[in-house]
Protein backbone atom coordinates (compact mmCIF):
# COMPACT_ATOMS: atom_id res chain seq x y z
CA UNK A 1 -8.72 25.15 -43.15
CA UNK A 2 -6.02 26.25 -41.03
CA UNK A 3 -8.19 27.63 -38.37
CA UNK A 4 -10.43 24.22 -38.15
CA UNK A 5 -7.28 22.15 -38.19
CA UNK A 6 -6.19 24.56 -34.81
CA UNK A 7 -9.47 24.16 -33.39
CA UNK A 8 -9.59 20.33 -33.52
CA UNK A 9 -6.50 20.06 -32.20
CA UNK A 10 -7.21 22.42 -29.01
CA UNK A 11 -10.76 20.40 -28.72
CA UNK A 12 -8.65 17.27 -28.61
CA UNK A 13 -6.43 18.73 -26.03
CA UNK A 14 -9.44 20.13 -23.86
CA UNK A 15 -11.37 16.75 -24.08
CA UNK A 16 -8.29 14.67 -23.65
CA UNK A 17 -7.23 17.28 -20.52
CA UNK A 18 -6.94 14.69 -17.95
CA UNK A 19 -4.74 12.42 -19.69
CA UNK A 20 -2.39 15.26 -20.88
CA UNK A 21 -2.32 17.15 -17.39
CA UNK A 22 -1.66 13.54 -15.37
CA UNK A 23 0.97 12.72 -17.82
CA UNK A 24 -0.68 9.28 -18.57
CA UNK A 25 -1.92 7.11 -21.10
CA UNK A 26 -5.34 6.33 -19.61
CA UNK A 27 -7.55 3.55 -20.44
CA UNK A 28 -11.19 4.39 -20.34
CA UNK A 29 -12.18 1.14 -18.91
CA UNK A 30 -9.64 1.52 -15.99
CA UNK A 31 -10.86 0.44 -12.50
CA UNK A 32 -7.77 0.48 -10.13
CA UNK A 33 -7.90 -1.25 -6.87
CA UNK A 34 -8.62 1.17 -4.08
CA UNK A 35 -6.46 1.68 -1.47
CA UNK A 36 -7.09 -0.81 1.35
CA UNK A 37 -7.90 -3.08 -1.42
CA UNK A 38 -6.40 -6.68 -1.30
CA UNK A 39 -4.29 -7.15 -4.28
CA UNK A 40 -4.32 -10.28 -5.87
CA UNK A 41 -1.17 -12.64 -5.95
CA UNK A 42 -0.06 -11.66 -9.06
CA UNK A 43 1.58 -14.13 -11.75
CA UNK A 44 4.93 -12.28 -12.46
CA UNK A 45 6.28 -13.67 -15.87
CA UNK A 46 9.42 -12.44 -17.60
CA UNK A 47 13.47 -13.06 -17.77
CA UNK A 48 15.21 -11.37 -14.80
CA UNK A 49 18.92 -11.20 -14.28
CA UNK A 50 20.48 -13.48 -11.47
CA UNK A 51 21.23 -10.06 -9.70
CA UNK A 52 17.60 -9.16 -9.77
CA UNK A 53 16.42 -12.63 -8.44
CA UNK A 54 18.94 -12.32 -5.43
CA UNK A 55 17.44 -8.54 -4.88
CA UNK A 56 14.03 -9.70 -4.91
CA UNK A 57 14.90 -12.97 -2.83
CA UNK A 58 13.69 -15.44 -5.46
CA UNK A 59 14.90 -18.85 -6.05
CA UNK A 60 15.11 -19.45 -9.63
CA UNK A 61 13.43 -17.89 -12.68
CA UNK A 62 9.93 -16.42 -13.56
CA UNK A 63 7.19 -16.92 -13.22
CA UNK A 64 7.11 -16.03 -9.64
CA UNK A 65 4.29 -14.82 -7.56
CA UNK A 66 4.01 -11.11 -6.14
CA UNK A 67 3.74 -13.04 -2.74
CA UNK A 68 7.34 -14.53 -3.04
CA UNK A 69 9.37 -11.26 -2.94
CA UNK A 70 10.92 -10.67 0.01
CA UNK A 71 9.75 -7.04 1.25
CA UNK A 72 7.82 -5.34 3.51
CA UNK A 73 6.65 -2.85 0.63
CA UNK A 74 6.49 -3.50 -3.02
CA UNK A 75 6.40 -0.59 -5.39
CA UNK A 76 4.69 -1.72 -8.44
CA UNK A 77 4.87 0.33 -11.63
CA UNK A 78 2.48 -0.72 -14.88
CA UNK A 79 4.32 0.60 -17.95
CA UNK A 80 4.20 -0.15 -21.64
CA UNK A 81 7.34 0.57 -23.95
CA UNK A 82 5.17 2.55 -26.18
CA UNK A 83 3.86 4.96 -23.59
CA UNK A 84 5.91 8.19 -24.15
CA UNK A 85 4.81 9.17 -20.35
CA UNK A 86 6.54 5.81 -19.39
CA UNK A 87 9.71 6.65 -21.48
CA UNK A 88 9.89 10.17 -19.92
CA UNK A 89 9.41 8.73 -16.33
CA UNK A 90 12.14 6.20 -16.54
CA UNK A 91 15.03 8.22 -15.40
CA UNK A 92 12.88 9.20 -12.47
CA UNK A 93 12.12 5.62 -12.03
CA UNK A 94 15.93 4.89 -11.75
CA UNK A 95 16.51 7.71 -9.14
CA UNK A 96 13.54 6.37 -7.25
CA UNK A 97 15.41 3.10 -7.18
CA UNK A 98 18.59 4.76 -6.05
CA UNK A 99 16.82 6.73 -3.52
CA UNK A 100 15.08 3.33 -2.23
CA UNK A 101 19.04 2.17 -1.39
CA UNK A 102 20.86 5.62 -0.37
CA UNK A 103 18.41 5.53 2.40
CA UNK A 104 19.11 1.86 3.60
CA UNK A 105 15.47 0.71 2.39
CA UNK A 106 16.68 -1.95 -0.05
CA UNK A 107 15.85 -4.81 2.12
CA UNK A 108 12.64 -3.53 3.11
CA UNK A 109 11.24 -1.93 -0.16
CA UNK A 110 11.51 -3.02 -3.61
CA UNK A 111 10.63 -1.63 -6.78
CA UNK A 112 9.45 -3.59 -9.92
CA UNK A 113 7.77 -3.01 -13.38
CA UNK A 114 5.50 -4.83 -15.28
CA UNK A 115 5.12 -4.25 -19.22
CA UNK A 116 1.46 -3.83 -20.09
CA UNK A 117 0.70 -5.63 -23.26
CA UNK A 118 4.61 -6.20 -23.62
CA UNK A 119 6.60 -9.34 -24.72
CA UNK A 120 10.01 -10.35 -22.91
CA UNK A 121 11.36 -8.81 -26.17
CA UNK A 122 9.70 -5.53 -25.59
CA UNK A 123 10.49 -5.19 -22.04
CA UNK A 124 14.36 -6.16 -22.78
CA UNK A 125 13.96 -2.93 -25.48
CA UNK A 126 12.89 -0.63 -22.71
CA UNK A 127 15.46 -1.87 -20.13
CA UNK A 128 18.29 -1.39 -22.46
CA UNK A 129 17.17 1.71 -23.75
CA UNK A 130 16.61 3.05 -20.48
CA UNK A 131 19.33 1.21 -18.52
CA UNK A 132 16.55 0.40 -15.92
CA UNK A 133 17.90 -0.72 -12.58
CA UNK A 134 15.14 -2.50 -11.28
CA UNK A 135 13.49 -5.89 -12.06
CA UNK A 136 10.89 -5.76 -15.07
CA UNK A 137 8.30 -8.23 -15.82
CA UNK A 138 6.56 -8.82 -18.95
CA UNK A 139 2.56 -9.14 -19.32
CA UNK A 140 2.17 -9.97 -23.10
CA UNK A 141 -1.44 -10.95 -22.89
CA UNK A 142 -2.87 -8.53 -20.36
CA UNK A 143 -3.21 -11.05 -17.90
CA UNK A 144 -1.78 -8.77 -15.06
CA UNK A 145 -3.13 -5.67 -16.00
CA UNK A 146 -6.65 -7.14 -15.90
CA UNK A 147 -6.25 -7.85 -12.13
CA UNK A 148 -4.46 -4.80 -11.59
CA UNK A 149 -7.71 -3.18 -12.84
CA UNK A 150 -7.04 -2.34 -16.54
CA UNK A 151 -4.88 0.53 -15.38
CA UNK A 152 -3.28 3.24 -17.62
CA UNK A 153 0.26 3.63 -17.60
CA UNK A 154 2.33 4.41 -15.90
CA UNK A 155 0.43 3.56 -12.64
CA UNK A 156 1.95 2.66 -9.65
CA UNK A 157 0.72 0.72 -6.73
CA UNK A 158 2.40 0.84 -3.21
CA UNK A 159 1.97 -2.74 -1.74
CA UNK A 160 2.16 -3.56 2.05
CA UNK A 161 3.22 -6.99 2.06
CA UNK A 162 1.83 -9.57 4.96
CA UNK A 163 3.32 -12.89 4.23
CA UNK A 164 2.37 -14.01 8.03
CA UNK A 165 -1.30 -13.45 6.92
CA UNK A 166 -0.69 -14.11 3.09
CA UNK A 167 -2.11 -10.80 1.98
CA UNK A 168 -0.92 -8.04 -0.12
CA UNK A 169 -2.67 -4.74 0.42
CA UNK A 170 -2.69 -1.40 -1.69
CA UNK A 171 -1.68 1.63 0.47
CA UNK A 172 -1.20 4.16 -2.60
CA UNK A 173 -1.85 4.40 -5.96
CA UNK A 174 -0.97 6.90 -8.64
CA UNK A 175 -1.60 7.33 -12.31
CA UNK A 176 0.70 9.39 -14.18
CA UNK A 177 4.37 10.52 -13.61
CA UNK A 178 5.99 11.16 -10.25
CA UNK A 179 6.15 15.08 -9.22
CA UNK A 180 9.55 13.81 -8.11
CA UNK A 181 11.09 10.48 -6.82
CA UNK A 182 11.89 12.11 -3.58
CA UNK A 183 8.57 13.13 -2.97
CA UNK A 184 7.10 9.79 -4.20
CA UNK A 185 9.30 7.87 -1.77
CA UNK A 186 8.45 9.99 1.09
CA UNK A 187 4.66 9.37 0.45
CA UNK A 188 4.92 5.92 -0.05
CA UNK A 189 6.95 5.29 3.29
CA UNK A 190 4.31 7.52 5.15
CA UNK A 191 1.54 5.11 3.73
CA UNK A 192 2.88 1.97 5.02
CA UNK A 193 3.28 3.64 8.64
């Protein structure tokens, strides 16, 4: 009996190796937008502090469109408060936000999160538990996730914002946890060149 349980566990690990190796909760129906694709002008919902609204250059509470964020680059992370990989990634995301500030990029680069399938309440629980330092939006009905390609979590999109042409382009993607905040911001900035 014990041997069959151990064998079943190892078989599960072998068959789900990608999700375990990437440290992500993958979605079998995922079809992320590829690098170079146009990102839809997502409708971002949820409650933000006055400081986060000011930081993003938004006037008034959500809902707001992605194109209204005042930045050259937006790093959007799709997360879920129920995703253990997202929970472990939260301190690294705060580190990434601190790196953006310490490198003098706060006016050009904005980090935001979207809680996939999460209500305002669930996003607030995540915000409080992990003391997130960047704006988090909610997506209780999976509308944003559908537009993102029904991605697993955590999933990162680095987006080049072009308000003159009214377009948003995907310049980098990543499913799973970052290797490090420093390597991620270096790669993101290189992708935006």
